[in-house]
Amino acid sequence: MDKLRGWTAFDGGALLDDVAAALDDVPPPEDDTEEIAERLRGHLGRLVTIAVATEAEQDATAAQLIDQARVLRAEDLPGDYRKAVGHLRRMGWIVNELLDRLVAVRCLKEVA
């Protein structure tokens, strides 16, 4: 029951918004970095769960992205703003790449 309470549905639109915020040419305001990082961690978690459930790990590229997602998700956001922005960009990039790969191997439908 606890797992159901903590479960959040996959929201492709929110995912794309957060990836855009992380990868935009203009870095997000310092006050927003922690919130964006938490949302990106959530997206990474959901994508990894989907990948494992659909056996996407059998694809070498997907398996590599899953490993990178797990590592990034476990890392704390650096206290230094510039390093935090770099971390957000890495998470945003992995979220985007893993989403694209899951679509390519037909584990997810394309998000518009």
C-alpha atoms as a PDB file:
ATOM      1  CA  MET A   1       0.000   0.000   0.000  1.00  0.00           C
ATOM      2  CA  ASP A   2       2.883   2.379   0.766  1.00  0.00           C
ATOM      3  CA  LYS A   3       4.221   1.914  -2.758  1.00  0.00           C
ATOM      4  CA  LEU A   4       0.874   2.962  -4.217  1.00  0.00           C
ATOM      5  CA  ARG A   5       0.749   6.063  -2.046  1.00  0.00           C
ATOM      6  CA  GLY A   6       4.222   7.117  -3.212  1.00  0.00           C
ATOM      7  CA  TRP A   7       3.518   6.333  -6.867  1.00  0.00           C
ATOM      8  CA  THR A   8       3.276   9.172  -9.355  1.00  0.00           C
ATOM      9  CA  ALA A   9       1.963   8.632 -12.867  1.00  0.00           C
ATOM     10  CA  PHE A  10       4.248   9.210 -15.848  1.00  0.00           C
ATOM     11  CA  ASP A  11       3.653  12.722 -17.189  1.00  0.00           C
ATOM     12  CA  GLY A  12       5.475  13.238 -20.485  1.00  0.00           C
ATOM     13  CA  GLY A  13       4.602  16.920 -20.667  1.00  0.00           C
ATOM     14  CA  ALA A  14       6.023  17.670 -17.218  1.00  0.00           C
ATOM     15  CA  LEU A  15       9.104  15.602 -18.066  1.00  0.00           C
ATOM     16  CA  LEU A  16       9.745  17.630 -21.217  1.00  0.00           C
ATOM     17  CA  ASP A  17       9.207  20.895 -19.324  1.00  0.00           C
ATOM     18  CA  ASP A  18      11.757  19.893 -16.694  1.00  0.00           C
ATOM     19  CA  VAL A  19      14.278  18.739 -19.310  1.00  0.00           C
ATOM     20  CA  ALA A  20      13.857  22.094 -21.057  1.00  0.00           C
ATOM     21  CA  ALA A  21      14.411  23.951 -17.785  1.00  0.00           C
ATOM     22  CA  ALA A  22      17.602  21.984 -17.125  1.00  0.00           C
ATOM     23  CA  LEU A  23      19.015  22.212 -20.648  1.00  0.00           C
ATOM     24  CA  ASP A  24      17.964  25.753 -21.571  1.00  0.00           C
ATOM     25  CA  ASP A  25      20.696  28.182 -22.617  1.00  0.00           C
ATOM     26  CA  VAL A  26      19.708  30.347 -19.655  1.00  0.00           C
ATOM     27  CA  PRO A  27      20.308  28.470 -16.386  1.00  0.00           C
ATOM     28  CA  PRO A  28      17.407  28.298 -13.953  1.00  0.00           C
ATOM     29  CA  PRO A  29      17.372  30.707 -11.010  1.00  0.00           C
ATOM     30  CA  GLU A  30      19.408  29.465  -8.065  1.00  0.00           C
ATOM     31  CA  ASP A  31      16.280  29.237  -5.899  1.00  0.00           C
ATOM     32  CA  ASP A  32      14.735  26.758  -8.369  1.00  0.00           C
ATOM     33  CA  THR A  33      17.630  24.309  -8.716  1.00  0.00           C
ATOM     34  CA  GLU A  34      16.667  22.015  -5.825  1.00  0.00           C
ATOM     35  CA  GLU A  35      13.046  21.765  -6.968  1.00  0.00           C
ATOM     36  CA  ILE A  36      14.053  21.014 -10.571  1.00  0.00           C
ATOM     37  CA  ALA A  37      16.579  18.436  -9.338  1.00  0.00           C
ATOM     38  CA  GLU A  38      13.889  16.662  -7.292  1.00  0.00           C
ATOM     39  CA  ARG A  39      11.537  16.525 -10.266  1.00  0.00           C
ATOM     40  CA  LEU A  40      14.323  15.215 -12.527  1.00  0.00           C
ATOM     41  CA  ARG A  41      15.154  12.543  -9.923  1.00  0.00           C
ATOM     42  CA  GLY A  42      11.502  11.537 -10.025  1.00  0.00           C
ATOM     43  CA  HIS A  43      11.543  11.326 -13.828  1.00  0.00           C
ATOM     44  CA  LEU A  44      14.725   9.245 -13.718  1.00  0.00           C
ATOM     45  CA  GLY A  45      13.133   6.891 -11.215  1.00  0.00           C
ATOM     46  CA  ARG A  46       9.973   6.452 -13.266  1.00  0.00           C
ATOM     47  CA  LEU A  47      11.904   5.907 -16.502  1.00  0.00           C
ATOM     48  CA  VAL A  48      14.182   3.334 -14.881  1.00  0.00           C
ATOM     49  CA  THR A  49      11.150   1.533 -13.449  1.00  0.00           C
ATOM     50  CA  ILE A  50       9.502   1.486 -16.871  1.00  0.00           C
ATOM     51  CA  ALA A  51      12.734   0.298 -18.493  1.00  0.00           C
ATOM     52  CA  VAL A  52      13.167  -2.567 -16.028  1.00  0.00           C
ATOM     53  CA  ALA A  53       9.495  -3.580 -16.210  1.00  0.00           C
ATOM     54  CA  THR A  54       9.606  -3.705 -20.012  1.00  0.00           C
ATOM     55  CA  GLU A  55      12.990  -5.461 -20.093  1.00  0.00           C
ATOM     56  CA  ALA A  56      14.614  -2.584 -21.971  1.00  0.00           C
ATOM     57  CA  GLU A  57      17.883  -3.502 -20.247  1.00  0.00           C
ATOM     58  CA  GLN A  58      18.345  -6.122 -22.958  1.00  0.00           C
ATOM     59  CA  ASP A  59      19.236  -3.225 -25.258  1.00  0.00           C
ATOM     60  CA  ALA A  60      22.882  -2.267 -24.623  1.00  0.00           C
ATOM     61  CA  THR A  61      22.299   1.468 -25.066  1.00  0.00           C
ATOM     62  CA  ALA A  62      19.274   1.445 -22.785  1.00  0.00           C
ATOM     63  CA  ALA A  63      21.206  -0.555 -20.180  1.00  0.00           C
ATOM     64  CA  GLN A  64      24.008   2.013 -20.198  1.00  0.00           C
ATOM     65  CA  LEU A  65      21.543   4.887 -19.835  1.00  0.00           C
ATOM     66  CA  ILE A  66      19.765   3.081 -16.995  1.00  0.00           C
ATOM     67  CA  ASP A  67      23.062   2.717 -15.149  1.00  0.00           C
ATOM     68  CA  GLN A  68      23.853   6.403 -15.654  1.00  0.00           C
ATOM     69  CA  ALA A  69      20.348   7.342 -14.486  1.00  0.00           C
ATOM     70  CA  ARG A  70      20.739   5.325 -11.296  1.00  0.00           C
ATOM     71  CA  VAL A  71      24.087   6.950 -10.506  1.00  0.00           C
ATOM     72  CA  LEU A  72      22.863  10.501 -11.146  1.00  0.00           C
ATOM     73  CA  ARG A  73      19.660   9.946  -9.211  1.00  0.00           C
ATOM     74  CA  ALA A  74      21.651   8.881  -6.146  1.00  0.00           C
ATOM     75  CA  GLU A  75      23.972  11.905  -6.205  1.00  0.00           C
ATOM     76  CA  ASP A  76      23.240  14.948  -4.074  1.00  0.00           C
ATOM     77  CA  LEU A  77      22.854  18.314  -5.723  1.00  0.00           C
ATOM     78  CA  PRO A  78      26.131  20.228  -5.261  1.00  0.00           C
ATOM     79  CA  GLY A  79      25.969  23.281  -3.011  1.00  0.00           C
ATOM     80  CA  ASP A  80      27.844  25.465  -5.487  1.00  0.00           C
ATOM     81  CA  TYR A  81      25.379  27.031  -7.976  1.00  0.00           C
ATOM     82  CA  ARG A  82      27.546  26.481 -11.067  1.00  0.00           C
ATOM     83  CA  LYS A  83      28.137  22.842 -10.157  1.00  0.00           C
ATOM     84  CA  ALA A  84      24.427  22.435  -9.389  1.00  0.00           C
ATOM     85  CA  VAL A  85      23.545  23.723 -12.868  1.00  0.00           C
ATOM     86  CA  GLY A  86      26.012  21.251 -14.367  1.00  0.00           C
ATOM     87  CA  HIS A  87      24.391  18.449 -12.385  1.00  0.00           C
ATOM     88  CA  LEU A  88      20.916  19.537 -13.553  1.00  0.00           C
ATOM     89  CA  ARG A  89      22.134  19.529 -17.150  1.00  0.00           C
ATOM     90  CA  ARG A  90      23.536  15.992 -16.789  1.00  0.00           C
ATOM     91  CA  MET A  91      20.267  14.773 -15.273  1.00  0.00           C
ATOM     92  CA  GLY A  92      18.213  16.529 -17.941  1.00  0.00           C
ATOM     93  CA  TRP A  93      20.339  15.017 -20.682  1.00  0.00           C
ATOM     94  CA  ILE A  94      20.015  11.475 -19.261  1.00  0.00           C
ATOM     95  CA  VAL A  95      16.253  11.893 -18.791  1.00  0.00           C
ATOM     96  CA  ASN A  96      15.935  12.997 -22.411  1.00  0.00           C
ATOM     97  CA  GLU A  97      18.215  10.265 -23.799  1.00  0.00           C
ATOM     98  CA  LEU A  98      16.565   7.498 -21.772  1.00  0.00           C
ATOM     99  CA  LEU A  99      13.115   8.660 -22.841  1.00  0.00           C
ATOM    100  CA  ASP A 100      14.217   8.679 -26.489  1.00  0.00           C
ATOM    101  CA  ARG A 101      15.744   5.209 -26.145  1.00  0.00           C
ATOM    102  CA  LEU A 102      12.640   3.769 -24.496  1.00  0.00           C
ATOM    103  CA  VAL A 103      10.590   5.144 -27.380  1.00  0.00           C
ATOM    104  CA  ALA A 104      13.070   3.695 -29.904  1.00  0.00           C
ATOM    105  CA  VAL A 105      12.879   0.206 -28.372  1.00  0.00           C
ATOM    106  CA  ARG A 106       9.078   0.543 -28.105  1.00  0.00           C
ATOM    107  CA  CYS A 107       8.798   0.536 -24.351  1.00  0.00           C
ATOM    108  CA  LEU A 108       7.017   3.899 -24.397  1.00  0.00           C
ATOM    109  CA  LYS A 109       4.998   5.859 -26.901  1.00  0.00           C
ATOM    110  CA  GLU A 110       6.501   9.094 -28.147  1.00  0.00           C
ATOM    111  CA  VAL A 111       5.839  12.098 -25.947  1.00  0.00           C
ATOM    112  CA  ALA A 112       4.659  15.222 -27.732  1.00  0.00           C
END
